[in-house]
PDB file of N, CA and C in Angstrom:
ATOM      1  N   MET A   1      98.985 -29.657  91.997  1.00  0.00           N
ATOM      2  CA  MET A   1      97.698 -30.272  91.886  1.00  0.00           C
ATOM      3  C   MET A   1      96.647 -29.096  92.058  1.00  0.00           C
ATOM      4  N   PHE A   2      95.518 -29.231  91.323  1.00  0.00           N
ATOM      5  CA  PHE A   2      94.456 -28.236  91.291  1.00  0.00           C
ATOM      6  C   PHE A   2      93.718 -28.361  92.745  1.00  0.00           C
ATOM      7  N   ASP A   3      93.586 -27.273  93.303  1.00  0.00           N
ATOM      8  CA  ASP A   3      92.848 -27.192  94.638  1.00  0.00           C
ATOM      9  C   ASP A   3      91.465 -26.547  94.338  1.00  0.00           C
ATOM     10  N   LYS A   4      90.487 -27.503  94.254  1.00  0.00           N
ATOM     11  CA  LYS A   4      89.217 -27.039  94.038  1.00  0.00           C
ATOM     12  C   LYS A   4      88.556 -26.163  95.023  1.00  0.00           C
ATOM     13  N   SER A   5      88.871 -26.516  96.275  1.00  0.00           N
ATOM     14  CA  SER A   5      88.303 -25.659  97.361  1.00  0.00           C
ATOM     15  C   SER A   5      88.843 -24.243  97.360  1.00  0.00           C
ATOM     16  N   LYS A   6      90.144 -24.129  97.043  1.00  0.00           N
ATOM     17  CA  LYS A   6      90.694 -22.749  97.064  1.00  0.00           C
ATOM     18  C   LYS A   6      90.106 -21.909  95.772  1.00  0.00           C
ATOM     19  N   ALA A   7      90.032 -22.624  94.688  1.00  0.00           N
ATOM     20  CA  ALA A   7      89.569 -21.965  93.395  1.00  0.00           C
ATOM     21  C   ALA A   7      88.081 -21.505  93.632  1.00  0.00           C
ATOM     22  N   ILE A   8      87.204 -22.402  94.268  1.00  0.00           N
ATOM     23  CA  ILE A   8      85.864 -22.110  94.477  1.00  0.00           C
ATOM     24  C   ILE A   8      85.673 -20.929  95.358  1.00  0.00           C
ATOM     25  N   THR A   9      86.541 -20.999  96.472  1.00  0.00           N
ATOM     26  CA  THR A   9      86.499 -19.955  97.553  1.00  0.00           C
ATOM     27  C   THR A   9      86.810 -18.545  96.921  1.00  0.00           C
ATOM     28  N   GLU A  10      87.900 -18.530  96.032  1.00  0.00           N
ATOM     29  CA  GLU A  10      88.267 -17.252  95.389  1.00  0.00           C
ATOM     30  C   GLU A  10      87.224 -16.837  94.384  1.00  0.00           C
ATOM     31  N   PHE A  11      86.573 -17.741  93.690  1.00  0.00           N
ATOM     32  CA  PHE A  11      85.542 -17.365  92.847  1.00  0.00           C
ATOM     33  C   PHE A  11      84.277 -16.802  93.478  1.00  0.00           C
ATOM     34  N   LEU A  12      83.924 -17.572  94.646  1.00  0.00           N
ATOM     35  CA  LEU A  12      82.733 -17.005  95.338  1.00  0.00           C
ATOM     36  C   LEU A  12      83.100 -15.590  95.996  1.00  0.00           C
ATOM     37  N   LYS A  13      84.409 -15.434  96.427  1.00  0.00           N
ATOM     38  CA  LYS A  13      84.798 -14.063  96.945  1.00  0.00           C
ATOM     39  C   LYS A  13      84.690 -13.046  95.899  1.00  0.00           C
ATOM     40  N   SER A  14      85.019 -13.419  94.654  1.00  0.00           N
ATOM     41  CA  SER A  14      84.932 -12.396  93.519  1.00  0.00           C
ATOM     42  C   SER A  14      83.551 -11.941  93.301  1.00  0.00           C
ATOM     43  N   LEU A  15      82.543 -12.825  93.598  1.00  0.00           N
ATOM     44  CA  LEU A  15      81.117 -12.508  93.444  1.00  0.00           C
ATOM     45  C   LEU A  15      80.587 -11.462  94.380  1.00  0.00           C
ATOM     46  N   GLU A  16      81.397 -11.169  95.452  1.00  0.00           N
ATOM     47  CA  GLU A  16      81.018 -10.134  96.482  1.00  0.00           C
ATOM     48  C   GLU A  16      80.946  -8.789  95.759  1.00  0.00           C
ATOM     49  N   ASP A  17      81.814  -8.687  94.668  1.00  0.00           N
ATOM     50  CA  ASP A  17      81.886  -7.375  93.849  1.00  0.00           C
ATOM     51  C   ASP A  17      80.692  -7.408  92.925  1.00  0.00           C
ATOM     52  N   GLY A  18      79.790  -6.546  93.030  1.00  0.00           N
ATOM     53  CA  GLY A  18      78.481  -6.549  92.168  1.00  0.00           C
ATOM     54  C   GLY A  18      78.808  -6.270  90.754  1.00  0.00           C
ATOM     55  N   ASN A  19      79.851  -5.470  90.456  1.00  0.00           N
ATOM     56  CA  ASN A  19      80.264  -5.304  89.121  1.00  0.00           C
ATOM     57  C   ASN A  19      80.766  -6.519  88.473  1.00  0.00           C
ATOM     58  N   ASN A  20      81.678  -7.230  89.140  1.00  0.00           N
ATOM     59  CA  ASN A  20      82.137  -8.536  88.756  1.00  0.00           C
ATOM     60  C   ASN A  20      81.007  -9.552  88.485  1.00  0.00           C
ATOM     61  N   THR A  21      80.082  -9.561  89.292  1.00  0.00           N
ATOM     62  CA  THR A  21      78.905 -10.482  89.115  1.00  0.00           C
ATOM     63  C   THR A  21      78.135 -10.166  87.917  1.00  0.00           C
ATOM     64  N   SER A  22      77.837  -8.881  87.818  1.00  0.00           N
ATOM     65  CA  SER A  22      76.991  -8.531  86.649  1.00  0.00           C
ATOM     66  C   SER A  22      77.761  -8.804  85.329  1.00  0.00           C
ATOM     67  N   LYS A  23      79.117  -8.653  85.325  1.00  0.00           N
ATOM     68  CA  LYS A  23      79.951  -8.870  84.178  1.00  0.00           C
ATOM     69  C   LYS A  23      79.855 -10.410  83.849  1.00  0.00           C
ATOM     70  N   LEU A  24      79.902 -11.201  84.896  1.00  0.00           N
ATOM     71  CA  LEU A  24      79.762 -12.780  84.643  1.00  0.00           C
ATOM     72  C   LEU A  24      78.470 -13.104  84.130  1.00  0.00           C
ATOM     73  N   PHE A  25      77.458 -12.465  84.688  1.00  0.00           N
ATOM     74  CA  PHE A  25      76.065 -12.758  84.161  1.00  0.00           C
ATOM     75  C   PHE A  25      75.941 -12.346  82.629  1.00  0.00           C
ATOM     76  N   GLU A  26      76.382 -11.274  82.275  1.00  0.00           N
ATOM     77  CA  GLU A  26      76.382 -10.874  80.843  1.00  0.00           C
ATOM     78  C   GLU A  26      77.240 -11.823  79.945  1.00  0.00           C
ATOM     79  N   GLU A  27      78.360 -12.269  80.432  1.00  0.00           N
ATOM     80  CA  GLU A  27      79.232 -13.158  79.568  1.00  0.00           C
ATOM     81  C   GLU A  27      78.765 -14.590  79.553  1.00  0.00           C
ATOM     82  N   ARG A  28      78.160 -15.097  80.622  1.00  0.00           N
ATOM     83  CA  ARG A  28      77.847 -16.535  80.727  1.00  0.00           C
ATOM     84  C   ARG A  28      76.396 -16.970  80.575  1.00  0.00           C
ATOM     85  N   LEU A  29      75.451 -15.978  80.830  1.00  0.00           N
ATOM     86  CA  LEU A  29      74.003 -16.385  80.754  1.00  0.00           C
ATOM     87  C   LEU A  29      73.426 -15.631  79.569  1.00  0.00           C
ATOM     88  N   ASP A  30      72.806 -16.389  78.720  1.00  0.00           N
ATOM     89  CA  ASP A  30      72.004 -15.693  77.669  1.00  0.00           C
ATOM     90  C   ASP A  30      70.690 -15.392  78.277  1.00  0.00           C
ATOM     91  N   ASN A  31      69.907 -14.539  77.629  1.00  0.00           N
ATOM     92  CA  ASN A  31      68.667 -14.035  78.122  1.00  0.00           C
ATOM     93  C   ASN A  31      67.597 -15.156  78.391  1.00  0.00           C
ATOM     94  N   GLU A  32      67.627 -16.190  77.441  1.00  0.00           N
ATOM     95  CA  GLU A  32      66.628 -17.278  77.656  1.00  0.00           C
ATOM     96  C   GLU A  32      66.989 -18.032  78.926  1.00  0.00           C
ATOM     97  N   LEU A  33      68.177 -18.232  79.251  1.00  0.00           N
ATOM     98  CA  LEU A  33      68.571 -19.032  80.462  1.00  0.00           C
ATOM     99  C   LEU A  33      68.293 -18.245  81.737  1.00  0.00           C
ATOM    100  N   PHE A  34      68.621 -16.903  81.596  1.00  0.00           N
ATOM    101  CA  PHE A  34      68.318 -16.022  82.743  1.00  0.00           C
ATOM    102  C   PHE A  34      66.784 -15.992  83.144  1.00  0.00           C
ATOM    103  N   MET A  35      65.917 -15.885  81.983  1.00  0.00           N
ATOM    104  CA  MET A  35      64.541 -15.872  82.245  1.00  0.00           C
ATOM    105  C   MET A  35      64.090 -17.168  82.772  1.00  0.00           C
ATOM    106  N   PHE A  36      64.681 -18.339  82.364  1.00  0.00           N
ATOM    107  CA  PHE A  36      64.310 -19.616  82.983  1.00  0.00           C
ATOM    108  C   PHE A  36      64.572 -19.663  84.388  1.00  0.00           C
ATOM    109  N   PHE A  37      65.745 -19.217  84.802  1.00  0.00           N
ATOM    110  CA  PHE A  37      66.114 -19.177  86.216  1.00  0.00           C
ATOM    111  C   PHE A  37      65.130 -18.236  86.987  1.00  0.00           C
ATOM    112  N   ASN A  38      64.751 -17.139  86.414  1.00  0.00           N
ATOM    113  CA  ASN A  38      63.935 -16.238  87.056  1.00  0.00           C
ATOM    114  C   ASN A  38      62.597 -16.803  87.306  1.00  0.00           C
ATOM    115  N   LYS A  39      62.055 -17.555  86.186  1.00  0.00           N
ATOM    116  CA  LYS A  39      60.697 -18.239  86.359  1.00  0.00           C
ATOM    117  C   LYS A  39      60.834 -19.338  87.408  1.00  0.00           C
ATOM    118  N   TYR A  40      61.881 -20.067  87.437  1.00  0.00           N
ATOM    119  CA  TYR A  40      62.177 -21.076  88.438  1.00  0.00           C
ATOM    120  C   TYR A  40      62.164 -20.478  89.909  1.00  0.00           C
ATOM    121  N   ALA A  41      62.624 -19.350  90.040  1.00  0.00           N
ATOM    122  CA  ALA A  41      62.644 -18.598  91.316  1.00  0.00           C
ATOM    123  C   ALA A  41      61.190 -18.184  91.726  1.00  0.00           C
ATOM    124  N   GLU A  42      60.426 -17.751  90.740  1.00  0.00           N
ATOM    125  CA  GLU A  42      59.037 -17.458  91.023  1.00  0.00           C
ATOM    126  C   GLU A  42      58.284 -18.740  91.529  1.00  0.00           C
ATOM    127  N   ILE A  43      58.512 -19.863  90.885  1.00  0.00           N
ATOM    128  CA  ILE A  43      57.952 -21.049  91.250  1.00  0.00           C
ATOM    129  C   ILE A  43      58.164 -21.466  92.765  1.00  0.00           C
ATOM    130  N   ILE A  44      59.532 -21.404  92.981  1.00  0.00           N
ATOM    131  CA  ILE A  44      59.981 -21.684  94.329  1.00  0.00           C
ATOM    132  C   ILE A  44      59.266 -20.752  95.338  1.00  0.00           C
ATOM    133  N   MET A  45      59.281 -19.447  95.041  1.00  0.00           N
ATOM    134  CA  MET A  45      58.633 -18.518  95.956  1.00  0.00           C
ATOM    135  C   MET A  45      57.150 -18.796  96.216  1.00  0.00           C
ATOM    136  N   GLU A  46      56.503 -19.190  95.207  1.00  0.00           N
ATOM    137  CA  GLU A  46      55.069 -19.619  95.327  1.00  0.00           C
ATOM    138  C   GLU A  46      54.874 -20.733  96.185  1.00  0.00           C
ATOM    139  N   LYS A  47      55.796 -21.673  96.033  1.00  0.00           N
ATOM    140  CA  LYS A  47      55.640 -23.088  96.707  1.00  0.00           C
ATOM    141  C   LYS A  47      56.348 -22.947  98.145  1.00  0.00           C
ATOM    142  N   ARG A  48      56.992 -21.925  98.447  1.00  0.00           N
ATOM    143  CA  ARG A  48      57.805 -21.836  99.679  1.00  0.00           C
ATOM    144  C   ARG A  48      57.067 -22.160 100.900  1.00  0.00           C
ATOM    145  N   GLU A  49      55.793 -21.771 101.115  1.00  0.00           N
ATOM    146  CA  GLU A  49      55.099 -22.076 102.290  1.00  0.00           C
ATOM    147  C   GLU A  49      54.858 -23.587 102.435  1.00  0.00           C
ATOM    148  N   ASN A  50      54.914 -24.332 101.387  1.00  0.00           N
ATOM    149  CA  ASN A  50      54.787 -25.737 101.530  1.00  0.00           C
ATOM    150  C   ASN A  50      56.049 -26.486 101.604  1.00  0.00           C
ATOM    151  N   ILE A  51      57.202 -25.739 101.580  1.00  0.00           N
ATOM    152  CA  ILE A  51      58.453 -26.374 101.556  1.00  0.00           C
ATOM    153  C   ILE A  51      59.027 -26.109 102.980  1.00  0.00           C
ATOM    154  N   ILE A  52      59.628 -27.190 103.567  1.00  0.00           N
ATOM    155  CA  ILE A  52      60.052 -26.982 104.918  1.00  0.00           C
ATOM    156  C   ILE A  52      61.668 -26.891 104.784  1.00  0.00           C
ATOM    157  N   LEU A  53      62.162 -25.800 104.375  1.00  0.00           N
ATOM    158  CA  LEU A  53      63.568 -25.534 104.211  1.00  0.00           C
ATOM    159  C   LEU A  53      63.923 -24.202 104.873  1.00  0.00           C
ATOM    160  N   ASP A  54      65.096 -24.189 105.600  1.00  0.00           N
ATOM    161  CA  ASP A  54      65.444 -22.805 105.996  1.00  0.00           C
ATOM    162  C   ASP A  54      66.170 -22.095 104.882  1.00  0.00           C
ATOM    163  N   ASP A  55      66.448 -20.873 105.076  1.00  0.00           N
ATOM    164  CA  ASP A  55      67.103 -20.021 103.988  1.00  0.00           C
ATOM    165  C   ASP A  55      68.256 -20.660 103.392  1.00  0.00           C
ATOM    166  N   ARG A  56      69.239 -21.102 104.290  1.00  0.00           N
ATOM    167  CA  ARG A  56      70.403 -21.742 103.780  1.00  0.00           C
ATOM    168  C   ARG A  56      70.200 -23.007 102.842  1.00  0.00           C
ATOM    169  N   GLU A  57      69.278 -23.821 103.335  1.00  0.00           N
ATOM    170  CA  GLU A  57      68.926 -24.962 102.399  1.00  0.00           C
ATOM    171  C   GLU A  57      68.321 -24.609 101.122  1.00  0.00           C
ATOM    172  N   LEU A  58      67.489 -23.594 101.249  1.00  0.00           N
ATOM    173  CA  LEU A  58      66.865 -23.113  99.927  1.00  0.00           C
ATOM    174  C   LEU A  58      67.906 -22.533  99.061  1.00  0.00           C
ATOM    175  N   ILE A  59      68.752 -21.757  99.468  1.00  0.00           N
ATOM    176  CA  ILE A  59      69.824 -21.239  98.629  1.00  0.00           C
ATOM    177  C   ILE A  59      70.684 -22.387  98.146  1.00  0.00           C
ATOM    178  N   THR A  60      71.011 -23.304  98.966  1.00  0.00           N
ATOM    179  CA  THR A  60      71.977 -24.425  98.532  1.00  0.00           C
ATOM    180  C   THR A  60      71.272 -25.212  97.428  1.00  0.00           C
ATOM    181  N   SER A  61      70.025 -25.544  97.717  1.00  0.00           N
ATOM    182  CA  SER A  61      69.297 -26.341  96.748  1.00  0.00           C
ATOM    183  C   SER A  61      69.217 -25.665  95.409  1.00  0.00           C
ATOM    184  N   SER A  62      68.913 -24.320  95.404  1.00  0.00           N
ATOM    185  CA  SER A  62      68.823 -23.487  94.190  1.00  0.00           C
ATOM    186  C   SER A  62      70.230 -23.564  93.477  1.00  0.00           C
ATOM    187  N   MET A  63      71.278 -23.369  94.182  1.00  0.00           N
ATOM    188  CA  MET A  63      72.544 -23.446  93.564  1.00  0.00           C
ATOM    189  C   MET A  63      72.802 -24.778  92.935  1.00  0.00           C
ATOM    190  N   ILE A  64      72.486 -25.831  93.582  1.00  0.00           N
ATOM    191  CA  ILE A  64      72.691 -27.184  93.029  1.00  0.00           C
ATOM    192  C   ILE A  64      71.793 -27.296  91.800  1.00  0.00           C
ATOM    193  N   VAL A  65      70.535 -26.870  91.801  1.00  0.00           N
ATOM    194  CA  VAL A  65      69.793 -26.968  90.665  1.00  0.00           C
ATOM    195  C   VAL A  65      70.292 -26.230  89.503  1.00  0.00           C
ATOM    196  N   GLY A  66      70.781 -25.069  89.715  1.00  0.00           N
ATOM    197  CA  GLY A  66      71.418 -24.197  88.720  1.00  0.00           C
ATOM    198  C   GLY A  66      72.623 -24.932  88.154  1.00  0.00           C
ATOM    199  N   TYR A  67      73.440 -25.544  88.988  1.00  0.00           N
ATOM    200  CA  TYR A  67      74.660 -26.338  88.462  1.00  0.00           C
ATOM    201  C   TYR A  67      74.172 -27.467  87.641  1.00  0.00           C
ATOM    202  N   LEU A  68      73.135 -28.208  88.086  1.00  0.00           N
ATOM    203  CA  LEU A  68      72.705 -29.314  87.286  1.00  0.00           C
ATOM    204  C   LEU A  68      72.120 -28.907  85.929  1.00  0.00           C
ATOM    205  N   ILE A  69      71.421 -27.819  85.921  1.00  0.00           N
ATOM    206  CA  ILE A  69      70.917 -27.244  84.665  1.00  0.00           C
ATOM    207  C   ILE A  69      72.060 -26.867  83.713  1.00  0.00           C
ATOM    208  N   LYS A  70      73.012 -26.152  84.316  1.00  0.00           N
ATOM    209  CA  LYS A  70      74.161 -25.727  83.474  1.00  0.00           C
ATOM    210  C   LYS A  70      74.882 -26.980  82.895  1.00  0.00           C
ATOM    211  N   SER A  71      75.222 -28.012  83.735  1.00  0.00           N
ATOM    212  CA  SER A  71      75.905 -29.152  83.176  1.00  0.00           C
ATOM    213  C   SER A  71      74.966 -29.987  82.206  1.00  0.00           C
ATOM    214  N   PHE A  72      73.761 -29.987  82.368  1.00  0.00           N
ATOM    215  CA  PHE A  72      72.861 -30.568  81.419  1.00  0.00           C
ATOM    216  C   PHE A  72      72.987 -29.856  80.059  1.00  0.00           C
ATOM    217  N   LEU A  73      72.892 -28.506  80.029  1.00  0.00           N
ATOM    218  CA  LEU A  73      73.031 -27.783  78.902  1.00  0.00           C
ATOM    219  C   LEU A  73      74.270 -27.958  78.236  1.00  0.00           C
ATOM    220  N   ASP A  74      75.305 -28.015  78.850  1.00  0.00           N
ATOM    221  CA  ASP A  74      76.678 -28.185  78.401  1.00  0.00           C
ATOM    222  C   ASP A  74      76.753 -29.574  77.618  1.00  0.00           C
ATOM    223  N   ARG A  75      76.160 -30.628  78.245  1.00  0.00           N
ATOM    224  CA  ARG A  75      76.158 -31.839  77.708  1.00  0.00           C
ATOM    225  C   ARG A  75      75.269 -31.945  76.445  1.00  0.00           C
ATOM    226  N   TYR A  76      74.043 -31.313  76.549  1.00  0.00           N
ATOM    227  CA  TYR A  76      73.043 -31.268  75.489  1.00  0.00           C
ATOM    228  C   TYR A  76      73.767 -30.664  74.206  1.00  0.00           C
ATOM    229  N   GLU A  77      74.399 -29.450  74.475  1.00  0.00           N
ATOM    230  CA  GLU A  77      75.029 -28.751  73.317  1.00  0.00           C
ATOM    231  C   GLU A  77      76.163 -29.620  72.673  1.00  0.00           C
ATOM    232  N   LEU A  78      76.941 -30.301  73.577  1.00  0.00           N
ATOM    233  CA  LEU A  78      78.037 -31.168  73.187  1.00  0.00           C
ATOM    234  C   LEU A  78      77.437 -32.282  72.232  1.00  0.00           C
ATOM    235  N   GLU A  79      76.374 -32.951  72.755  1.00  0.00           N
ATOM    236  CA  GLU A  79      75.780 -33.977  71.946  1.00  0.00           C
ATOM    237  C   GLU A  79      75.235 -33.495  70.630  1.00  0.00           C
ATOM    238  N   LYS A  80      74.638 -32.384  70.641  1.00  0.00           N
ATOM    239  CA  LYS A  80      74.077 -31.793  69.368  1.00  0.00           C
ATOM    240  C   LYS A  80      75.253 -31.506  68.380  1.00  0.00           C
ATOM    241  N   THR A  81      76.238 -30.889  68.824  1.00  0.00           N
ATOM    242  CA  THR A  81      77.451 -30.591  68.139  1.00  0.00           C
ATOM    243  C   THR A  81      78.012 -31.769  67.516  1.00  0.00           C
ATOM    244  N   LEU A  82      78.262 -32.906  68.320  1.00  0.00           N
ATOM    245  CA  LEU A  82      78.860 -34.064  67.863  1.00  0.00           C
ATOM    246  C   LEU A  82      77.943 -34.811  66.800  1.00  0.00           C
ATOM    247  N   SER A  83      76.683 -34.727  67.083  1.00  0.00           N
ATOM    248  CA  SER A  83      75.776 -35.388  66.117  1.00  0.00           C
ATOM    249  C   SER A  83      75.740 -34.700  64.745  1.00  0.00           C
ATOM    250  N   ILE A  84      76.057 -33.395  64.686  1.00  0.00           N
ATOM    251  CA  ILE A  84      75.997 -32.601  63.542  1.00  0.00           C
ATOM    252  C   ILE A  84      77.354 -32.927  62.736  1.00  0.00           C
ATOM    253  N   SER A  85      78.412 -33.095  63.431  1.00  0.00           N
ATOM    254  CA  SER A  85      79.737 -33.377  62.788  1.00  0.00           C
ATOM    255  C   SER A  85      79.803 -34.684  61.940  1.00  0.00           C
TER     256      SER A  85
END
């Protein structure tokens, strides 16, 4: 059976290597998406003083939003591909 916890732990551990992280960015994020995330980070930093979150909560929230955006884009692309077919 697939152990999600173990797989995620190994993946996150692999991100500790900056070279590996950079390679994944290049492979999986196009420039437009990267720029969108960067702009989102700027917005969060501007609003930070009005947000009552500690650093862990802010990082967790940002990771969740990133995941939601990625899953949205995957679905969007799939729907567009299926409607073209």
